[in-house]
């Protein structure tokens, strides 16, 4: 932070202005060191206007300023978020600019959060050389650590998903700790571990089955040992759980509580039935405005599928992409503009990472440095921001249900069925491998028909 912004000699009018700004901070209960830095961030913006007055700036100028701030890789995500918070109080509470009152502040804030080093998008770039695991009370033997590393190598050779890779490594690590730090040769230990999960940890049936799959893979593909017959073991009681589904009025009320980028993403979750990470990882090339569909690439199970593009959000989505294109062009001019690509694509098309069509539809607000490779690029938005926004929107809308991002996908399927869609059509739109998975939504209504429109366009 340049010191001239905070140590310059001020006129009485300036002093009064910043005193009023400080009062607004106090009203927001922002004080101490955080309050001091809010004032510094606001002063950095005001005294950097180069002759412009605060009332002369518009949202386009402000977006450009924030984009430039996001390209400063010396700043951490919380520092960028602090600057946005400071300017929100400055422009909305202190100066009272009309455009600032309707600006997408929440979308900008949620886009500031960096991806964690273990996030699947970053973890796929991890080197195959080492496994970073938290310290355990029972230390793992060197041989066990090498075997955990071998799981990563085998899963990648088999082109298994990064989620599966992370899950298998984690279950193998837990099993090794349970067995004293190494993998035993006796299959009885596997059976004991599965019963421990059911009786002591009281995990769900799917969790126990996941652990079993991981250990079968460990012994069969990595250790190359025959587990033999495990025999009978205690299993958790499988309970039938119905999905939480919003009514159409509740869906409308929820979407009304969201603004900007969060509203656009939530509309895609409901209007296209996308999973959260499918929406977050959506790329520009996957939206076909001419044919009114979205191509979901590498969905759950590595499958591609097509889902409807809701007509209702087309204008907002096109306006959003226009802004993101301007941001990408500015990134390229600043020497950035690179995006993460699947390994095969990056190897075959080395320059594709800078092309517009490969960019994320919902990019992060700032350029970040990959903690492993050191490459500076703009990743997709962190999904945590949307999750928090939907939870808050449900609370504000007075919806007395546990609403998550996946609730919108459940509502998509149920509303299609009530609108006359047949079960096989809904199965294809959701990307379910087996129609029995889709059948859970027939607890509402099952009528024959074909889904020709997105349920978002039927509200």
Protein backbone atom coordinates (compact mmCIF):
# COMPACT_ATOMS: atom_id res chain seq x y z
CA UNK A 1 0.00 0.00 0.00
CA UNK A 2 1.67 3.27 -1.10
CA UNK A 3 2.17 5.45 1.92
CA UNK A 4 1.30 8.67 0.06
CA UNK A 5 -2.31 7.57 0.06
CA UNK A 6 -2.56 7.60 3.83
CA UNK A 7 -0.01 10.25 4.85
CA UNK A 8 -0.87 13.06 2.42
CA UNK A 9 -1.86 16.43 3.82
CA UNK A 10 -5.65 16.72 3.79
CA UNK A 11 -7.95 19.71 3.58
CA UNK A 12 -10.72 20.20 6.12
CA UNK A 13 -13.22 18.90 3.56
CA UNK A 14 -11.19 15.73 3.00
CA UNK A 15 -10.77 15.17 6.73
CA UNK A 16 -14.52 15.50 7.24
CA UNK A 17 -15.16 13.00 4.41
CA UNK A 18 -12.85 10.37 5.87
CA UNK A 19 -14.28 10.99 9.34
CA UNK A 20 -17.72 10.19 7.94
CA UNK A 21 -16.31 7.06 6.30
CA UNK A 22 -14.81 6.01 9.64
CA UNK A 23 -18.26 6.42 11.22
CA UNK A 24 -19.71 4.05 8.63
CA UNK A 25 -17.03 1.53 9.53
CA UNK A 26 -17.98 1.80 13.19
CA UNK A 27 -21.62 1.20 12.29
CA UNK A 28 -20.52 -1.98 10.54
CA UNK A 29 -18.46 -2.92 13.62
CA UNK A 30 -15.24 -2.75 11.65
CA UNK A 31 -12.52 -1.37 13.90
CA UNK A 32 -8.94 -1.79 15.04
CA UNK A 33 -6.34 -2.98 12.56
CA UNK A 34 -9.02 -4.13 10.13
CA UNK A 35 -10.65 -0.70 10.24
CA UNK A 36 -7.33 1.03 9.57
CA UNK A 37 -6.75 -1.10 6.49
CA UNK A 38 -10.30 -0.47 5.26
CA UNK A 39 -9.50 3.24 5.30
CA UNK A 40 -6.19 2.65 3.51
CA UNK A 41 -7.85 0.54 0.82
CA UNK A 42 -10.52 3.19 0.26
CA UNK A 43 -7.91 5.97 0.11
CA UNK A 44 -5.84 3.99 -2.36
CA UNK A 45 -8.87 3.91 -4.67
CA UNK A 46 -9.90 7.57 -4.21
CA UNK A 47 -6.45 9.10 -4.57
CA UNK A 48 -5.70 6.89 -7.56
CA UNK A 49 -8.59 8.23 -9.67
CA UNK A 50 -6.21 10.59 -11.51
CA UNK A 51 -8.43 13.67 -11.44
CA UNK A 52 -11.77 11.86 -11.68
CA UNK A 53 -14.38 12.54 -9.05
CA UNK A 54 -16.05 9.72 -7.18
CA UNK A 55 -19.45 10.63 -8.59
CA UNK A 56 -18.07 10.50 -12.16
CA UNK A 57 -17.02 6.84 -12.09
CA UNK A 58 -19.33 4.09 -13.28
CA UNK A 59 -19.51 0.30 -12.96
CA UNK A 60 -17.35 -0.22 -16.07
CA UNK A 61 -14.49 1.83 -14.59
CA UNK A 62 -14.92 0.07 -11.25
CA UNK A 63 -14.85 -3.39 -12.87
CA UNK A 64 -11.63 -2.47 -14.66
CA UNK A 65 -10.07 -1.29 -11.41
CA UNK A 66 -11.04 -4.52 -9.61
CA UNK A 67 -9.74 -6.63 -12.49
CA UNK A 68 -6.41 -4.82 -12.25
CA UNK A 69 -6.39 -5.47 -8.50
CA UNK A 70 -7.10 -9.15 -9.17
CA UNK A 71 -4.03 -9.39 -11.39
CA UNK A 72 -1.79 -8.31 -8.50
CA UNK A 73 -0.43 -11.72 -7.50
CA UNK A 74 1.29 -10.24 -4.44
CA UNK A 75 -2.10 -9.91 -2.75
CA UNK A 76 -3.77 -12.79 -0.99
CA UNK A 77 -7.46 -13.58 -1.42
CA UNK A 78 -8.44 -12.05 1.95
CA UNK A 79 -6.68 -8.80 1.04
CA UNK A 80 -8.65 -8.49 -2.20
CA UNK A 81 -11.85 -9.26 -0.29
CA UNK A 82 -10.93 -6.59 2.27
CA UNK A 83 -10.49 -4.03 -0.52
CA UNK A 84 -13.89 -4.89 -2.00
CA UNK A 85 -15.50 -4.57 1.44
CA UNK A 86 -13.85 -1.18 1.94
CA UNK A 87 -15.06 0.10 -1.43
CA UNK A 88 -18.56 -1.21 -0.87
CA UNK A 89 -18.86 0.89 2.28
CA UNK A 90 -17.27 3.83 0.49
CA UNK A 91 -19.45 3.84 -2.64
CA UNK A 92 -22.74 2.60 -1.19
CA UNK A 93 -22.80 3.84 2.40
CA UNK A 94 -20.67 7.00 2.19
CA UNK A 95 -20.98 8.42 -1.34
CA UNK A 96 -24.39 6.83 -2.07
CA UNK A 97 -23.84 6.09 -5.77
CA UNK A 98 -26.93 4.67 -7.52
CA UNK A 99 -25.11 2.07 -9.63
CA UNK A 100 -23.21 0.86 -6.57
CA UNK A 101 -26.46 0.00 -4.78
CA UNK A 102 -27.28 -2.67 -7.37
CA UNK A 103 -23.70 -3.78 -8.05
CA UNK A 104 -22.94 -7.51 -7.70
CA UNK A 105 -20.86 -7.15 -4.52
CA UNK A 106 -21.61 -10.65 -3.26
CA UNK A 107 -20.56 -12.19 -6.56
CA UNK A 108 -17.27 -10.27 -6.48
CA UNK A 109 -16.59 -11.30 -2.89
CA UNK A 110 -17.38 -14.97 -3.49
CA UNK A 111 -15.04 -14.97 -6.50
CA UNK A 112 -12.09 -13.83 -4.36
CA UNK A 113 -11.63 -17.08 -2.50
CA UNK A 114 -8.62 -19.11 -3.67
CA UNK A 115 -8.88 -22.82 -4.36
CA UNK A 116 -7.32 -24.93 -1.64
CA UNK A 117 -4.19 -26.86 -2.60
CA UNK A 118 -6.16 -30.11 -2.21
CA UNK A 119 -8.99 -28.93 -4.47
CA UNK A 120 -9.48 -31.43 -7.34
CA UNK A 121 -8.72 -28.79 -9.97
CA UNK A 122 -5.31 -28.19 -8.43
CA UNK A 123 -4.70 -31.69 -7.12
CA UNK A 124 -4.71 -33.09 -10.65
CA UNK A 125 -1.63 -30.96 -11.31
CA UNK A 126 0.15 -32.42 -8.31
CA UNK A 127 3.46 -34.11 -8.91
CA UNK A 128 3.54 -37.90 -8.70
CA UNK A 129 6.63 -37.68 -6.55
CA UNK A 130 5.17 -37.37 -3.09
CA UNK A 131 2.06 -37.73 -0.98
CA UNK A 132 1.46 -34.93 1.51
CA UNK A 133 -0.42 -36.34 4.49
CA UNK A 134 -1.21 -34.79 7.87
CA UNK A 135 0.75 -35.90 10.89
CA UNK A 136 -0.77 -38.98 12.56
CA UNK A 137 -0.61 -40.39 16.06
CA UNK A 138 0.39 -43.69 14.47
CA UNK A 139 3.28 -42.99 12.06
CA UNK A 140 3.22 -44.71 8.71
CA UNK A 141 6.16 -46.86 7.72
CA UNK A 142 8.30 -45.75 4.74
CA UNK A 143 7.05 -48.74 2.78
CA UNK A 144 3.42 -47.77 3.45
CA UNK A 145 4.08 -44.22 2.26
CA UNK A 146 5.49 -45.60 -1.00
CA UNK A 147 2.42 -47.81 -1.39
CA UNK A 148 0.12 -44.80 -0.92
CA UNK A 149 2.12 -43.06 -3.64
CA UNK A 150 1.61 -46.11 -5.83
CA UNK A 151 -2.19 -45.69 -5.53
CA UNK A 152 -1.87 -42.23 -7.10
CA UNK A 153 0.22 -43.60 -9.96
CA UNK A 154 -2.13 -46.51 -10.71
CA UNK A 155 -5.30 -44.39 -10.63
CA UNK A 156 -3.78 -41.90 -13.06
CA UNK A 157 -2.61 -44.60 -15.43
CA UNK A 158 -6.18 -45.91 -15.44
CA UNK A 159 -7.53 -42.37 -16.02
CA UNK A 160 -9.68 -42.53 -12.91
CA UNK A 161 -11.20 -39.30 -11.60
CA UNK A 162 -9.28 -37.12 -9.17
CA UNK A 163 -12.06 -37.53 -6.60
CA UNK A 164 -11.66 -41.31 -6.74
CA UNK A 165 -7.91 -40.96 -6.44
CA UNK A 166 -8.19 -38.77 -3.35
CA UNK A 167 -10.82 -41.04 -1.80
CA UNK A 168 -8.82 -44.26 -2.33
CA UNK A 169 -5.65 -42.72 -0.89
CA UNK A 170 -7.51 -41.42 2.15
CA UNK A 171 -9.20 -44.76 2.93
CA UNK A 172 -5.92 -46.64 2.48
CA UNK A 173 -4.22 -44.19 4.84
CA UNK A 174 -6.95 -44.63 7.47
CA UNK A 175 -6.74 -48.40 7.14
CA UNK A 176 -2.95 -48.32 7.61
CA UNK A 177 -3.34 -46.22 10.76
CA UNK A 178 -5.98 -48.64 12.06
CA UNK A 179 -3.54 -51.49 11.50
CA UNK A 180 -0.61 -49.78 13.25
CA UNK A 181 1.06 -48.00 10.34
CA UNK A 182 1.25 -50.64 7.60
CA UNK A 183 -0.93 -52.85 5.40
CA UNK A 184 -1.39 -56.39 6.81
CA UNK A 185 -1.46 -59.51 4.68
CA UNK A 186 -4.39 -61.08 6.54
CA UNK A 187 -7.85 -60.39 4.99
CA UNK A 188 -9.31 -60.62 8.49
CA UNK A 189 -7.97 -57.13 9.22
CA UNK A 190 -9.99 -55.75 6.32
CA UNK A 191 -13.11 -57.36 7.73
CA UNK A 192 -12.33 -55.98 11.19
CA UNK A 193 -11.88 -52.48 9.75
CA UNK A 194 -15.21 -52.64 7.92
CA UNK A 195 -16.97 -53.73 11.12
CA UNK A 196 -15.19 -50.96 13.04
CA UNK A 197 -16.62 -48.44 10.59
CA UNK A 198 -20.12 -49.83 11.00
CA UNK A 199 -20.21 -50.40 14.78
CA UNK A 200 -17.86 -47.77 16.20
CA UNK A 201 -17.80 -45.01 13.62
CA UNK A 202 -21.44 -45.69 12.65
CA UNK A 203 -20.87 -44.67 9.04
CA UNK A 204 -23.53 -44.84 6.33
CA UNK A 205 -23.77 -47.97 4.15
CA UNK A 206 -22.41 -46.06 1.16
CA UNK A 207 -19.39 -44.96 3.19
CA UNK A 208 -18.59 -48.52 4.21
CA UNK A 209 -18.99 -49.65 0.60
CA UNK A 210 -16.64 -46.86 -0.50
CA UNK A 211 -14.02 -48.02 2.00
CA UNK A 212 -14.38 -51.62 0.76
CA UNK A 213 -13.91 -50.54 -2.87
CA UNK A 214 -10.79 -48.60 -1.92
CA UNK A 215 -9.27 -51.56 -0.06
CA UNK A 216 -10.12 -54.03 -2.82
CA UNK A 217 -8.35 -51.69 -5.25
CA UNK A 218 -5.41 -51.33 -2.87
CA UNK A 219 -4.82 -55.06 -2.47
CA UNK A 220 -5.72 -56.12 -6.00
CA UNK A 221 -4.12 -53.35 -8.12
CA UNK A 222 -1.40 -51.89 -5.91
CA UNK A 223 -0.19 -54.55 -3.46
CA UNK A 224 -1.06 -57.36 -5.93
CA UNK A 225 -2.30 -59.57 -3.13
CA UNK A 226 -5.37 -61.80 -3.08
CA UNK A 227 -7.77 -60.81 -0.32
CA UNK A 228 -9.60 -64.07 -0.67
CA UNK A 229 -13.08 -64.40 0.80
CA UNK A 230 -13.80 -61.80 3.48
CA UNK A 231 -16.79 -63.67 4.81
CA UNK A 232 -19.73 -62.12 6.59
CA UNK A 233 -19.30 -58.81 8.42
CA UNK A 234 -21.60 -56.30 10.04
CA UNK A 235 -23.10 -53.73 7.73
CA UNK A 236 -24.92 -50.50 8.63
CA UNK A 237 -28.67 -50.50 8.21
CA UNK A 238 -29.52 -48.97 4.85
CA UNK A 239 -32.17 -46.27 5.21
CA UNK A 240 -34.26 -44.91 2.39
CA UNK A 241 -33.79 -41.13 2.21
CA UNK A 242 -35.97 -38.96 0.02
CA UNK A 243 -34.39 -35.87 -1.53
CA UNK A 244 -35.32 -32.40 -0.32
CA UNK A 245 -37.32 -30.74 -3.09
CA UNK A 246 -38.47 -27.13 -3.36
CA UNK A 247 -41.90 -26.23 -4.65
CA UNK A 248 -42.07 -23.90 -7.65
CA UNK A 249 -42.98 -20.87 -5.47
CA UNK A 250 -40.11 -21.72 -3.12
CA UNK A 251 -37.72 -21.98 -6.07
CA UNK A 252 -38.81 -18.57 -7.34
CA UNK A 253 -38.44 -17.06 -3.87
CA UNK A 254 -34.95 -18.54 -3.50
CA UNK A 255 -33.74 -17.24 -6.87
CA UNK A 256 -35.15 -13.77 -6.13
CA UNK A 257 -32.90 -13.55 -3.07
CA UNK A 258 -29.78 -14.07 -5.20
CA UNK A 259 -28.12 -11.46 -7.38
CA UNK A 260 -25.45 -11.24 -10.05
CA UNK A 261 -23.14 -14.20 -10.54
CA UNK A 262 -24.67 -16.25 -7.72
CA UNK A 263 -28.14 -15.86 -9.25
CA UNK A 264 -26.81 -16.93 -12.65
CA UNK A 265 -25.10 -20.03 -11.26
CA UNK A 266 -28.10 -21.02 -9.13
CA UNK A 267 -30.35 -20.64 -12.19
CA UNK A 268 -28.11 -23.08 -14.06
CA UNK A 269 -28.21 -25.59 -11.22
CA UNK A 270 -31.98 -25.55 -11.30
CA UNK A 271 -32.66 -24.75 -14.95
CA UNK A 272 -30.21 -27.30 -16.37
CA UNK A 273 -30.05 -29.82 -13.51
CA UNK A 274 -26.27 -29.47 -13.27
CA UNK A 275 -24.20 -30.63 -10.33
CA UNK A 276 -22.34 -27.94 -8.42
CA UNK A 277 -18.87 -28.75 -9.80
CA UNK A 278 -20.25 -29.19 -13.31
CA UNK A 279 -21.47 -25.60 -13.14
CA UNK A 280 -18.29 -24.29 -11.54
CA UNK A 281 -16.07 -25.95 -14.17
CA UNK A 282 -18.22 -24.92 -17.13
CA UNK A 283 -16.15 -23.53 -20.01
CA UNK A 284 -17.13 -21.02 -22.69
CA UNK A 285 -16.97 -23.60 -25.49
CA UNK A 286 -19.58 -25.78 -23.77
CA UNK A 287 -22.45 -23.28 -24.11
CA UNK A 288 -24.29 -23.50 -27.43
CA UNK A 289 -26.61 -20.49 -27.67
CA UNK A 290 -27.63 -21.36 -31.24
CA UNK A 291 -28.98 -24.80 -30.34
CA UNK A 292 -30.04 -23.88 -26.78
CA UNK A 293 -28.11 -26.50 -24.89
CA UNK A 294 -25.12 -26.86 -22.58
CA UNK A 295 -22.61 -29.66 -22.96
CA UNK A 296 -21.50 -31.09 -19.64
CA UNK A 297 -17.99 -32.48 -20.13
CA UNK A 298 -16.48 -35.09 -17.82
CA UNK A 299 -19.47 -35.24 -15.49
CA UNK A 300 -19.78 -37.81 -12.74
CA UNK A 301 -18.37 -41.10 -13.97
CA UNK A 302 -16.43 -39.31 -16.71
CA UNK A 303 -19.53 -39.06 -18.92
CA UNK A 304 -20.53 -36.21 -21.25
CA UNK A 305 -24.16 -35.19 -21.70
CA UNK A 306 -26.34 -32.36 -22.95
CA UNK A 307 -28.69 -30.34 -20.77
CA UNK A 308 -31.14 -27.57 -21.71
CA UNK A 309 -30.00 -23.95 -21.73
CA UNK A 310 -32.80 -21.98 -20.03
CA UNK A 311 -34.03 -19.22 -22.35
CA UNK A 312 -34.78 -17.04 -19.35
CA UNK A 313 -31.12 -16.55 -18.45
CA UNK A 314 -29.68 -16.21 -21.98
CA UNK A 315 -29.49 -12.37 -21.94
CA UNK A 316 -27.84 -12.31 -18.49
CA UNK A 317 -25.47 -15.13 -19.42
CA UNK A 318 -24.41 -13.39 -22.64
CA UNK A 319 -23.86 -10.11 -20.78
CA UNK A 320 -21.78 -11.99 -18.19
CA UNK A 321 -19.65 -13.63 -20.88
CA UNK A 322 -19.09 -10.26 -22.55
CA UNK A 323 -17.63 -8.93 -19.29
CA UNK A 324 -15.51 -12.04 -18.81
CA UNK A 325 -14.19 -11.70 -22.39
CA UNK A 326 -13.05 -8.15 -21.61
CA UNK A 327 -11.39 -9.43 -18.44
CA UNK A 328 -9.65 -12.21 -20.37
CA UNK A 329 -8.40 -9.79 -23.03
CA UNK A 330 -6.97 -7.55 -20.30
CA UNK A 331 -5.33 -10.62 -18.70
CA UNK A 332 -3.63 -11.44 -22.00
CA UNK A 333 -2.33 -7.91 -22.36
CA UNK A 334 -0.95 -8.10 -18.82
CA UNK A 335 0.90 -11.32 -19.61
CA UNK A 336 -1.59 -13.73 -18.03
CA UNK A 337 -4.73 -15.30 -19.51
CA UNK A 338 -3.78 -18.95 -19.01
CA UNK A 339 -6.30 -21.48 -17.70
CA UNK A 340 -5.96 -25.04 -16.43
CA UNK A 341 -6.48 -27.69 -19.12
CA UNK A 342 -6.78 -31.48 -18.96
CA UNK A 343 -3.34 -33.03 -19.33
CA UNK A 344 -4.01 -34.57 -22.73
CA UNK A 345 -5.40 -31.34 -24.20
CA UNK A 346 -2.54 -29.26 -22.77
CA UNK A 347 0.03 -31.61 -24.29
CA UNK A 348 -1.62 -31.74 -27.72
CA UNK A 349 -2.53 -28.04 -27.89
CA UNK A 350 0.08 -26.12 -25.85
CA UNK A 351 -1.42 -22.70 -26.63
CA UNK A 352 -5.06 -23.62 -26.02
CA UNK A 353 -4.87 -22.49 -22.39
CA UNK A 354 -4.88 -18.85 -23.52
CA UNK A 355 -7.78 -19.19 -25.96
CA UNK A 356 -11.12 -17.64 -25.00
CA UNK A 357 -13.18 -20.77 -25.68
CA UNK A 358 -11.28 -22.72 -23.00
CA UNK A 359 -11.78 -20.13 -20.27
CA UNK A 360 -14.08 -20.83 -17.34
CA UNK A 361 -17.53 -19.23 -17.54
CA UNK A 362 -17.25 -18.37 -13.86
CA UNK A 363 -13.60 -17.44 -13.24
CA UNK A 364 -12.10 -16.32 -9.96
CA UNK A 365 -11.78 -12.61 -9.29
CA UNK A 366 -8.02 -12.75 -9.10
CA UNK A 367 -4.96 -14.34 -10.65
CA UNK A 368 -3.45 -16.87 -8.28
CA UNK A 369 -0.20 -18.79 -8.14
CA UNK A 370 -0.52 -22.55 -8.17
CA UNK A 371 1.02 -23.76 -4.88
CA UNK A 372 2.69 -26.74 -6.57
CA UNK A 373 3.65 -25.78 -10.10
CA UNK A 374 4.13 -22.05 -9.49
CA UNK A 375 2.13 -21.22 -12.64
CA UNK A 376 0.11 -17.99 -12.44
CA UNK A 377 -3.36 -18.42 -13.85
CA UNK A 378 -7.02 -17.60 -13.27
CA UNK A 379 -8.83 -20.64 -11.91
CA UNK A 380 -12.57 -21.10 -11.69
CA UNK A 381 -14.54 -19.63 -8.81
CA UNK A 382 -14.42 -21.45 -5.48
CA UNK A 383 -17.71 -23.30 -5.00
CA UNK A 384 -17.87 -22.42 -1.29
CA UNK A 385 -19.10 -18.92 -2.07
CA UNK A 386 -22.17 -20.17 -3.96
CA UNK A 387 -22.93 -22.71 -1.25
CA UNK A 388 -22.98 -20.00 1.40
CA UNK A 389 -25.04 -17.69 -0.81
CA UNK A 390 -27.76 -20.31 -1.42
CA UNK A 391 -27.92 -21.17 2.27
CA UNK A 392 -28.34 -17.47 3.15
CA UNK A 393 -30.91 -16.97 0.37
CA UNK A 394 -33.04 -19.86 1.67
CA UNK A 395 -32.95 -18.32 5.15
CA UNK A 396 -33.92 -14.88 3.83
CA UNK A 397 -36.72 -16.37 1.73
CA UNK A 398 -38.18 -18.06 4.81
CA UNK A 399 -37.83 -21.58 3.38
CA UNK A 400 -38.02 -24.01 6.29
CA UNK A 401 -35.97 -26.73 4.59
CA UNK A 402 -32.32 -27.70 4.48
CA UNK A 403 -31.48 -26.14 1.12
CA UNK A 404 -28.16 -26.84 -0.60
CA UNK A 405 -26.91 -26.47 -4.16
CA UNK A 406 -27.92 -30.08 -4.85
CA UNK A 407 -31.48 -29.29 -3.75
CA UNK A 408 -31.87 -27.30 -6.96
CA UNK A 409 -30.88 -30.37 -8.99
CA UNK A 410 -33.44 -32.47 -7.08
CA UNK A 411 -36.05 -29.81 -7.80
CA UNK A 412 -35.11 -29.79 -11.50
CA UNK A 413 -35.82 -33.52 -11.80
CA UNK A 414 -39.02 -33.45 -9.77
CA UNK A 415 -40.47 -30.44 -11.60
CA UNK A 416 -39.71 -32.07 -14.95
CA UNK A 417 -41.70 -35.14 -13.90
CA UNK A 418 -44.62 -33.07 -12.69
CA UNK A 419 -44.46 -31.19 -16.00
CA UNK A 420 -44.97 -34.40 -17.96
CA UNK A 421 -41.45 -35.62 -18.73
CA UNK A 422 -40.86 -39.37 -18.93
CA UNK A 423 -38.44 -41.02 -16.53
CA UNK A 424 -35.89 -42.01 -19.22
CA UNK A 425 -35.61 -38.42 -20.45
CA UNK A 426 -34.97 -37.21 -16.92
CA UNK A 427 -32.39 -39.99 -16.48
CA UNK A 428 -30.47 -38.77 -19.53
CA UNK A 429 -30.61 -35.12 -18.45
CA UNK A 430 -29.31 -35.97 -14.97
CA UNK A 431 -26.60 -38.28 -16.30
CA UNK A 432 -27.65 -41.28 -14.22
CA UNK A 433 -26.17 -44.60 -15.34
CA UNK A 434 -29.17 -46.56 -14.08
CA UNK A 435 -32.81 -45.55 -14.24
CA UNK A 436 -33.29 -46.93 -10.74
CA UNK A 437 -31.32 -43.95 -9.42
CA UNK A 438 -33.76 -41.60 -11.15
CA UNK A 439 -36.79 -43.50 -9.87
CA UNK A 440 -36.42 -41.87 -6.45
CA UNK A 441 -38.03 -38.74 -7.92
CA UNK A 442 -41.21 -40.60 -8.81
CA UNK A 443 -42.40 -40.15 -5.22
CA UNK A 444 -43.91 -36.89 -6.49
CA UNK A 445 -45.53 -37.82 -9.77
CA UNK A 446 -44.73 -39.96 -12.80
CA UNK A 447 -46.59 -39.11 -15.98
CA UNK A 448 -45.55 -39.93 -19.55
CA UNK A 449 -44.31 -37.15 -21.77
CA UNK A 450 -41.21 -35.41 -23.06
CA UNK A 451 -39.25 -32.55 -21.50
CA UNK A 452 -38.91 -29.97 -24.26
CA UNK A 453 -38.17 -26.98 -22.03
CA UNK A 454 -36.17 -26.22 -18.93
CA UNK A 455 -38.28 -26.02 -15.75
CA UNK A 456 -36.78 -22.57 -15.18
CA UNK A 457 -38.73 -21.35 -18.23
CA UNK A 458 -41.96 -22.76 -16.77
CA UNK A 459 -41.92 -20.60 -13.63
